[in-house]
PDB file of N, CA and C in Angstrom:
ATOM      1  N   MET A   1       5.086  -1.362  -3.007  1.00  0.00           N
ATOM      2  CA  MET A   1       4.125  -2.387  -2.915  1.00  0.00           C
ATOM      3  C   MET A   1       2.463  -0.998  -3.382  1.00  0.00           C
ATOM      4  N   GLU A   2       1.751  -1.660  -4.051  1.00  0.00           N
ATOM      5  CA  GLU A   2       0.586  -0.356  -4.218  1.00  0.00           C
ATOM      6  C   GLU A   2      -0.784  -1.285  -4.494  1.00  0.00           C
ATOM      7  N   LEU A   3      -1.712  -0.605  -3.766  1.00  0.00           N
ATOM      8  CA  LEU A   3      -2.712  -1.139  -3.475  1.00  0.00           C
ATOM      9  C   LEU A   3      -3.537  -1.976  -4.799  1.00  0.00           C
ATOM     10  N   ASP A   4      -3.069  -1.773  -5.963  1.00  0.00           N
ATOM     11  CA  ASP A   4      -3.726  -2.788  -7.006  1.00  0.00           C
ATOM     12  C   ASP A   4      -3.181  -3.907  -6.715  1.00  0.00           C
ATOM     13  N   ASN A   5      -2.249  -4.583  -6.377  1.00  0.00           N
ATOM     14  CA  ASN A   5      -1.899  -5.638  -5.986  1.00  0.00           C
ATOM     15  C   ASN A   5      -3.103  -6.246  -4.390  1.00  0.00           C
ATOM     16  N   ILE A   6      -3.186  -5.663  -3.756  1.00  0.00           N
ATOM     17  CA  ILE A   6      -3.539  -5.832  -2.607  1.00  0.00           C
ATOM     18  C   ILE A   6      -5.529  -6.230  -3.372  1.00  0.00           C
ATOM     19  N   VAL A   7      -5.777  -5.219  -4.283  1.00  0.00           N
ATOM     20  CA  VAL A   7      -7.064  -5.023  -4.506  1.00  0.00           C
ATOM     21  C   VAL A   7      -7.564  -6.738  -5.293  1.00  0.00           C
ATOM     22  N   THR A   8      -6.484  -6.747  -6.138  1.00  0.00           N
ATOM     23  CA  THR A   8      -5.980  -7.790  -7.189  1.00  0.00           C
ATOM     24  C   THR A   8      -6.525  -9.391  -6.175  1.00  0.00           C
ATOM     25  N   ALA A   9      -5.718  -9.211  -5.205  1.00  0.00           N
ATOM     26  CA  ALA A   9      -5.520 -10.070  -4.151  1.00  0.00           C
ATOM     27  C   ALA A   9      -6.677 -10.585  -3.833  1.00  0.00           C
ATOM     28  N   LEU A  10      -7.410  -9.326  -3.571  1.00  0.00           N
ATOM     29  CA  LEU A  10      -8.917  -9.358  -2.852  1.00  0.00           C
ATOM     30  C   LEU A  10      -9.612 -10.009  -3.829  1.00  0.00           C
ATOM     31  N   THR A  11      -9.575  -9.619  -4.808  1.00  0.00           N
ATOM     32  CA  THR A  11     -10.430  -9.956  -5.826  1.00  0.00           C
ATOM     33  C   THR A  11     -10.843 -11.579  -6.051  1.00  0.00           C
ATOM     34  N   GLU A  12      -9.465 -12.346  -6.003  1.00  0.00           N
ATOM     35  CA  GLU A  12      -9.433 -13.341  -6.958  1.00  0.00           C
ATOM     36  C   GLU A  12      -9.797 -14.557  -5.567  1.00  0.00           C
ATOM     37  N   ILE A  13      -9.688 -13.494  -3.817  1.00  0.00           N
ATOM     38  CA  ILE A  13     -10.274 -14.519  -2.857  1.00  0.00           C
ATOM     39  C   ILE A  13     -12.092 -14.566  -3.471  1.00  0.00           C
ATOM     40  N   LYS A  14     -12.490 -12.716  -3.200  1.00  0.00           N
ATOM     41  CA  LYS A  14     -13.940 -13.164  -3.742  1.00  0.00           C
ATOM     42  C   LYS A  14     -14.417 -13.964  -4.618  1.00  0.00           C
ATOM     43  N   ASP A  15     -13.547 -14.343  -5.969  1.00  0.00           N
ATOM     44  CA  ASP A  15     -14.476 -14.764  -6.781  1.00  0.00           C
ATOM     45  C   ASP A  15     -14.207 -16.490  -6.860  1.00  0.00           C
ATOM     46  N   ASP A  16     -13.502 -16.522  -5.503  1.00  0.00           N
ATOM     47  CA  ASP A  16     -13.536 -18.271  -5.349  1.00  0.00           C
ATOM     48  C   ASP A  16     -15.232 -18.615  -4.759  1.00  0.00           C
ATOM     49  N   LYS A  17     -15.530 -19.154  -5.028  1.00  0.00           N
ATOM     50  CA  LYS A  17     -16.984 -20.114  -4.758  1.00  0.00           C
ATOM     51  C   LYS A  17     -17.072 -20.702  -3.701  1.00  0.00           C
ATOM     52  N   ARG A  18     -15.516 -21.241  -3.521  1.00  0.00           N
ATOM     53  CA  ARG A  18     -15.982 -21.887  -2.040  1.00  0.00           C
ATOM     54  C   ARG A  18     -15.482 -21.012  -1.025  1.00  0.00           C
ATOM     55  N   VAL A  19     -15.665 -19.532  -1.202  1.00  0.00           N
ATOM     56  CA  VAL A  19     -15.630 -18.587   0.271  1.00  0.00           C
ATOM     57  C   VAL A  19     -17.215 -18.576  -0.039  1.00  0.00           C
ATOM     58  N   PRO A  20     -17.548 -18.518   1.212  1.00  0.00           N
ATOM     59  CA  PRO A  20     -18.890 -18.370   2.141  1.00  0.00           C
ATOM     60  C   PRO A  20     -19.608 -16.588   1.340  1.00  0.00           C
ATOM     61  N   ARG A  21     -20.824 -16.829   0.889  1.00  0.00           N
ATOM     62  CA  ARG A  21     -21.175 -15.298   0.077  1.00  0.00           C
ATOM     63  C   ARG A  21     -21.076 -14.416   1.031  1.00  0.00           C
ATOM     64  N   ASN A  22     -21.601 -14.355   2.679  1.00  0.00           N
ATOM     65  CA  ASN A  22     -21.505 -13.062   3.169  1.00  0.00           C
ATOM     66  C   ASN A  22     -19.822 -13.023   3.637  1.00  0.00           C
ATOM     67  N   VAL A  23     -18.552 -13.698   3.584  1.00  0.00           N
ATOM     68  CA  VAL A  23     -17.490 -13.139   2.947  1.00  0.00           C
ATOM     69  C   VAL A  23     -17.055 -12.696   2.124  1.00  0.00           C
ATOM     70  N   ARG A  24     -17.787 -13.171   1.026  1.00  0.00           N
ATOM     71  CA  ARG A  24     -17.091 -12.684  -0.259  1.00  0.00           C
ATOM     72  C   ARG A  24     -17.872 -11.028  -0.342  1.00  0.00           C
ATOM     73  N   SER A  25     -19.391 -10.765   0.219  1.00  0.00           N
ATOM     74  CA  SER A  25     -20.076  -9.340   0.480  1.00  0.00           C
ATOM     75  C   SER A  25     -19.294  -8.697   1.615  1.00  0.00           C
ATOM     76  N   SER A  26     -17.826  -9.308   2.292  1.00  0.00           N
ATOM     77  CA  SER A  26     -17.534  -8.617   3.129  1.00  0.00           C
ATOM     78  C   SER A  26     -15.759  -8.108   2.658  1.00  0.00           C
ATOM     79  N   LEU A  27     -15.787  -8.958   1.661  1.00  0.00           N
ATOM     80  CA  LEU A  27     -14.530  -8.687   0.657  1.00  0.00           C
ATOM     81  C   LEU A  27     -14.633  -7.595  -0.234  1.00  0.00           C
ATOM     82  N   GLN A  28     -16.053  -7.737  -1.302  1.00  0.00           N
ATOM     83  CA  GLN A  28     -16.226  -6.738  -2.347  1.00  0.00           C
ATOM     84  C   GLN A  28     -16.249  -5.388  -1.636  1.00  0.00           C
ATOM     85  N   GLU A  29     -16.789  -5.106   0.022  1.00  0.00           N
ATOM     86  CA  GLU A  29     -17.181  -3.686   0.792  1.00  0.00           C
ATOM     87  C   GLU A  29     -15.284  -3.519   1.307  1.00  0.00           C
ATOM     88  N   THR A  30     -14.377  -4.410   1.438  1.00  0.00           N
ATOM     89  CA  THR A  30     -13.226  -3.950   1.396  1.00  0.00           C
ATOM     90  C   THR A  30     -12.600  -3.466  -0.104  1.00  0.00           C
ATOM     91  N   ILE A  31     -13.265  -4.230  -0.625  1.00  0.00           N
ATOM     92  CA  ILE A  31     -12.591  -3.403  -2.238  1.00  0.00           C
ATOM     93  C   ILE A  31     -13.252  -2.550  -2.565  1.00  0.00           C
ATOM     94  N   GLY A  32     -14.115  -1.954  -2.034  1.00  0.00           N
ATOM     95  CA  GLY A  32     -14.904  -0.805  -2.217  1.00  0.00           C
ATOM     96  C   GLY A  32     -13.678   0.452  -1.693  1.00  0.00           C
ATOM     97  N   GLU A  33     -13.883   0.072  -0.175  1.00  0.00           N
ATOM     98  CA  GLU A  33     -13.152   1.284   0.370  1.00  0.00           C
ATOM     99  C   GLU A  33     -11.692   1.468   0.013  1.00  0.00           C
ATOM    100  N   LEU A  34     -11.146   0.330  -0.659  1.00  0.00           N
ATOM    101  CA  LEU A  34      -9.806   0.831  -0.893  1.00  0.00           C
ATOM    102  C   LEU A  34      -9.481   1.180  -2.624  1.00  0.00           C
ATOM    103  N   THR A  35     -10.618   1.481  -3.528  1.00  0.00           N
ATOM    104  CA  THR A  35     -10.728   1.814  -4.704  1.00  0.00           C
ATOM    105  C   THR A  35     -11.535   2.839  -4.516  1.00  0.00           C
ATOM    106  N   CYS A  36     -11.871   3.708  -3.465  1.00  0.00           N
ATOM    107  CA  CYS A  36     -12.956   4.899  -3.173  1.00  0.00           C
ATOM    108  C   CYS A  36     -11.888   6.258  -3.447  1.00  0.00           C
ATOM    109  N   GLU A  37     -12.547   7.167  -4.079  1.00  0.00           N
ATOM    110  CA  GLU A  37     -11.421   8.124  -4.447  1.00  0.00           C
ATOM    111  C   GLU A  37     -11.418   9.169  -3.235  1.00  0.00           C
ATOM    112  N   ASN A  38     -12.657   9.182  -2.554  1.00  0.00           N
ATOM    113  CA  ASN A  38     -12.989  10.336  -1.873  1.00  0.00           C
ATOM    114  C   ASN A  38     -12.786  10.493  -0.460  1.00  0.00           C
ATOM    115  N   GLU A  39     -11.997   8.956   0.066  1.00  0.00           N
ATOM    116  CA  GLU A  39     -11.501   8.845   1.131  1.00  0.00           C
ATOM    117  C   GLU A  39     -10.166   8.895   1.507  1.00  0.00           C
ATOM    118  N   ASN A  40      -9.370   9.536   2.379  1.00  0.00           N
ATOM    119  CA  ASN A  40      -7.669   9.552   2.582  1.00  0.00           C
ATOM    120  C   ASN A  40      -7.500   8.593   2.871  1.00  0.00           C
ATOM    121  N   ILE A  41      -6.520   8.239   2.464  1.00  0.00           N
ATOM    122  CA  ILE A  41      -5.707   7.023   2.263  1.00  0.00           C
ATOM    123  C   ILE A  41      -5.829   6.265   3.624  1.00  0.00           C
ATOM    124  N   SER A  42      -5.474   6.508   4.618  1.00  0.00           N
ATOM    125  CA  SER A  42      -5.146   6.067   6.004  1.00  0.00           C
ATOM    126  C   SER A  42      -6.148   5.367   6.588  1.00  0.00           C
ATOM    127  N   ILE A  43      -7.188   6.279   6.611  1.00  0.00           N
ATOM    128  CA  ILE A  43      -8.928   6.336   6.857  1.00  0.00           C
ATOM    129  C   ILE A  43      -9.096   4.913   6.044  1.00  0.00           C
ATOM    130  N   LYS A  44      -8.959   4.799   4.986  1.00  0.00           N
ATOM    131  CA  LYS A  44      -8.831   3.742   3.865  1.00  0.00           C
ATOM    132  C   LYS A  44      -8.989   2.494   4.135  1.00  0.00           C
ATOM    133  N   LEU A  45      -6.969   2.541   4.144  1.00  0.00           N
ATOM    134  CA  LEU A  45      -6.465   1.163   4.969  1.00  0.00           C
ATOM    135  C   LEU A  45      -6.556   0.260   6.404  1.00  0.00           C
ATOM    136  N   ASN A  46      -6.886   1.842   7.106  1.00  0.00           N
ATOM    137  CA  ASN A  46      -7.393   1.349   8.652  1.00  0.00           C
ATOM    138  C   ASN A  46      -9.087   0.952   8.907  1.00  0.00           C
ATOM    139  N   THR A  47      -9.943   1.200   7.817  1.00  0.00           N
ATOM    140  CA  THR A  47     -11.326   0.465   7.458  1.00  0.00           C
ATOM    141  C   THR A  47     -10.789  -0.707   6.829  1.00  0.00           C
ATOM    142  N   ALA A  48     -10.475  -0.808   5.761  1.00  0.00           N
ATOM    143  CA  ALA A  48     -10.111  -2.236   5.233  1.00  0.00           C
ATOM    144  C   ALA A  48      -9.406  -3.340   6.540  1.00  0.00           C
ATOM    145  N   ILE A  49      -8.813  -2.778   6.935  1.00  0.00           N
ATOM    146  CA  ILE A  49      -8.188  -3.778   7.551  1.00  0.00           C
ATOM    147  C   ILE A  49      -9.086  -4.363   9.181  1.00  0.00           C
ATOM    148  N   SER A  50      -9.881  -3.513   9.302  1.00  0.00           N
ATOM    149  CA  SER A  50     -11.046  -3.816  10.086  1.00  0.00           C
ATOM    150  C   SER A  50     -11.851  -4.818   9.471  1.00  0.00           C
ATOM    151  N   ILE A  51     -12.669  -4.241   8.239  1.00  0.00           N
ATOM    152  CA  ILE A  51     -12.981  -5.477   7.973  1.00  0.00           C
ATOM    153  C   ILE A  51     -12.589  -6.632   7.972  1.00  0.00           C
ATOM    154  N   LEU A  52     -11.126  -6.594   7.196  1.00  0.00           N
ATOM    155  CA  LEU A  52     -10.967  -7.874   7.443  1.00  0.00           C
ATOM    156  C   LEU A  52     -10.697  -8.759   8.648  1.00  0.00           C
ATOM    157  N   ASP A  53     -10.212  -7.970   9.541  1.00  0.00           N
ATOM    158  CA  ASP A  53     -10.127  -8.640  11.137  1.00  0.00           C
ATOM    159  C   ASP A  53     -11.423  -9.188  11.725  1.00  0.00           C
ATOM    160  N   ASP A  54     -12.422  -8.428  10.809  1.00  0.00           N
ATOM    161  CA  ASP A  54     -13.945  -8.962  11.363  1.00  0.00           C
ATOM    162  C   ASP A  54     -14.018 -10.497  10.456  1.00  0.00           C
ATOM    163  N   ILE A  55     -13.652 -10.843   9.421  1.00  0.00           N
ATOM    164  CA  ILE A  55     -13.657 -11.902   8.389  1.00  0.00           C
ATOM    165  C   ILE A  55     -12.888 -13.127   8.820  1.00  0.00           C
ATOM    166  N   ASN A  56     -11.881 -12.861   9.532  1.00  0.00           N
ATOM    167  CA  ASN A  56     -11.058 -13.733  10.203  1.00  0.00           C
ATOM    168  C   ASN A  56     -11.538 -14.497  10.906  1.00  0.00           C
ATOM    169  N   ASN A  57     -12.325 -13.776  11.647  1.00  0.00           N
ATOM    170  CA  ASN A  57     -13.331 -14.724  13.153  1.00  0.00           C
ATOM    171  C   ASN A  57     -14.537 -14.945  12.506  1.00  0.00           C
ATOM    172  N   ASP A  58     -14.865 -15.484  10.990  1.00  0.00           N
ATOM    173  CA  ASP A  58     -15.929 -16.097  10.810  1.00  0.00           C
ATOM    174  C   ASP A  58     -15.648 -17.680  10.822  1.00  0.00           C
ATOM    175  N   THR A  59     -16.258 -18.303  11.980  1.00  0.00           N
ATOM    176  CA  THR A  59     -15.985 -19.640  11.755  1.00  0.00           C
ATOM    177  C   THR A  59     -15.985 -20.233  10.252  1.00  0.00           C
ATOM    178  N   ASN A  60     -16.281 -20.228   9.341  1.00  0.00           N
ATOM    179  CA  ASN A  60     -16.982 -20.685   8.314  1.00  0.00           C
ATOM    180  C   ASN A  60     -16.236 -20.296   7.291  1.00  0.00           C
ATOM    181  N   ILE A  61     -14.969 -19.945   7.303  1.00  0.00           N
ATOM    182  CA  ILE A  61     -14.023 -19.692   6.173  1.00  0.00           C
ATOM    183  C   ILE A  61     -13.368 -20.689   6.531  1.00  0.00           C
ATOM    184  N   GLN A  62     -12.226 -21.524   4.883  1.00  0.00           N
ATOM    185  CA  GLN A  62     -11.406 -22.006   5.573  1.00  0.00           C
ATOM    186  C   GLN A  62     -10.104 -21.759   5.644  1.00  0.00           C
ATOM    187  N   PRO A  63      -9.053 -22.757   6.596  1.00  0.00           N
ATOM    188  CA  PRO A  63      -7.954 -22.152   7.094  1.00  0.00           C
ATOM    189  C   PRO A  63      -7.311 -21.481   5.808  1.00  0.00           C
ATOM    190  N   PHE A  64      -7.010 -22.163   4.529  1.00  0.00           N
ATOM    191  CA  PHE A  64      -6.119 -21.389   3.425  1.00  0.00           C
ATOM    192  C   PHE A  64      -6.949 -20.156   3.411  1.00  0.00           C
ATOM    193  N   THR A  65      -7.847 -19.837   3.038  1.00  0.00           N
ATOM    194  CA  THR A  65      -8.922 -18.453   2.707  1.00  0.00           C
ATOM    195  C   THR A  65      -8.139 -17.703   4.119  1.00  0.00           C
ATOM    196  N   ARG A  66      -8.425 -18.295   5.478  1.00  0.00           N
ATOM    197  CA  ARG A  66      -7.975 -17.382   6.253  1.00  0.00           C
ATOM    198  C   ARG A  66      -6.429 -16.740   6.271  1.00  0.00           C
ATOM    199  N   THR A  67      -5.407 -18.168   6.147  1.00  0.00           N
ATOM    200  CA  THR A  67      -3.991 -17.728   5.753  1.00  0.00           C
ATOM    201  C   THR A  67      -4.048 -16.310   4.599  1.00  0.00           C
ATOM    202  N   GLN A  68      -4.702 -16.342   3.545  1.00  0.00           N
ATOM    203  CA  GLN A  68      -4.718 -15.775   2.253  1.00  0.00           C
ATOM    204  C   GLN A  68      -5.239 -14.212   3.095  1.00  0.00           C
ATOM    205  N   ILE A  69      -6.140 -14.600   3.832  1.00  0.00           N
ATOM    206  CA  ILE A  69      -6.429 -12.853   4.249  1.00  0.00           C
ATOM    207  C   ILE A  69      -5.584 -11.935   5.567  1.00  0.00           C
ATOM    208  N   TRP A  70      -4.646 -13.286   6.272  1.00  0.00           N
ATOM    209  CA  TRP A  70      -4.399 -12.500   7.332  1.00  0.00           C
ATOM    210  C   TRP A  70      -2.636 -12.193   6.553  1.00  0.00           C
ATOM    211  N   ASN A  71      -2.689 -12.448   5.210  1.00  0.00           N
ATOM    212  CA  ASN A  71      -1.381 -12.047   3.856  1.00  0.00           C
ATOM    213  C   ASN A  71      -1.824 -10.934   3.801  1.00  0.00           C
ATOM    214  N   ILE A  72      -3.307 -10.603   3.200  1.00  0.00           N
ATOM    215  CA  ILE A  72      -3.405  -9.543   2.529  1.00  0.00           C
ATOM    216  C   ILE A  72      -3.202  -8.208   3.866  1.00  0.00           C
ATOM    217  N   VAL A  73      -3.878  -8.633   5.345  1.00  0.00           N
ATOM    218  CA  VAL A  73      -3.896  -7.602   6.266  1.00  0.00           C
ATOM    219  C   VAL A  73      -1.927  -7.295   6.431  1.00  0.00           C
ATOM    220  N   SER A  74      -1.596  -8.234   6.451  1.00  0.00           N
ATOM    221  CA  SER A  74      -0.365  -7.800   6.637  1.00  0.00           C
ATOM    222  C   SER A  74       0.231  -6.931   5.583  1.00  0.00           C
ATOM    223  N   MET A  75       0.196  -6.717   4.459  1.00  0.00           N
ATOM    224  CA  MET A  75       0.453  -6.115   3.463  1.00  0.00           C
ATOM    225  C   MET A  75      -0.248  -4.882   3.576  1.00  0.00           C
ATOM    226  N   LEU A  76      -1.315  -4.665   4.003  1.00  0.00           N
ATOM    227  CA  LEU A  76      -1.895  -3.371   4.133  1.00  0.00           C
ATOM    228  C   LEU A  76      -1.224  -2.916   5.744  1.00  0.00           C
ATOM    229  N   GLU A  77      -0.866  -3.241   6.545  1.00  0.00           N
ATOM    230  CA  GLU A  77      -0.157  -2.947   7.676  1.00  0.00           C
ATOM    231  C   GLU A  77       1.363  -2.272   6.609  1.00  0.00           C
ATOM    232  N   SER A  78       2.010  -3.055   6.216  1.00  0.00           N
ATOM    233  CA  SER A  78       3.072  -2.985   5.817  1.00  0.00           C
ATOM    234  C   SER A  78       3.177  -1.932   4.698  1.00  0.00           C
ATOM    235  N   PHE A  79       1.653  -1.296   4.277  1.00  0.00           N
ATOM    236  CA  PHE A  79       1.657  -0.277   3.320  1.00  0.00           C
ATOM    237  C   PHE A  79       1.505   0.903   4.374  1.00  0.00           C
ATOM    238  N   GLN A  80       0.614   0.815   4.973  1.00  0.00           N
ATOM    239  CA  GLN A  80       0.459   2.111   6.271  1.00  0.00           C
ATOM    240  C   GLN A  80       1.841   2.492   6.711  1.00  0.00           C
ATOM    241  N   SER A  81       2.836   1.524   6.992  1.00  0.00           N
ATOM    242  CA  SER A  81       3.583   1.912   7.892  1.00  0.00           C
ATOM    243  C   SER A  81       4.790   2.289   7.011  1.00  0.00           C
ATOM    244  N   ASP A  82       4.799   2.177   5.895  1.00  0.00           N
ATOM    245  CA  ASP A  82       5.498   2.893   4.417  1.00  0.00           C
ATOM    246  C   ASP A  82       4.880   4.159   4.542  1.00  0.00           C
ATOM    247  N   MET A  83       4.045   4.930   4.241  1.00  0.00           N
ATOM    248  CA  MET A  83       3.436   5.994   4.251  1.00  0.00           C
ATOM    249  C   MET A  83       3.712   6.656   5.879  1.00  0.00           C
ATOM    250  N   ASP A  84       3.640   6.096   6.749  1.00  0.00           N
ATOM    251  CA  ASP A  84       4.096   7.129   8.260  1.00  0.00           C
ATOM    252  C   ASP A  84       5.302   7.428   8.010  1.00  0.00           C
ATOM    253  N   SER A  85       6.752   6.450   7.619  1.00  0.00           N
ATOM    254  CA  SER A  85       7.583   6.698   7.389  1.00  0.00           C
ATOM    255  C   SER A  85       8.615   7.801   6.239  1.00  0.00           C
TER     256      SER A  85
END
């Protein structure tokens, strides 16, 4: 699994107009974090997971969007565990 697939999934959610503006902003921050060239990969993954966890606590997002974000968090955690092995 590559980070490009995760970034693509995040971008699709961010481009959905039904997603609240503050959540789209946080998703953009997550995408920026994952695509930053100057950061250590484990720091990028931990920061992205943290931001996405915060998004999931937002009461304004739809259940479908919440599920998509949980899936992306799972992909990031899987990516992280693959790197550790």
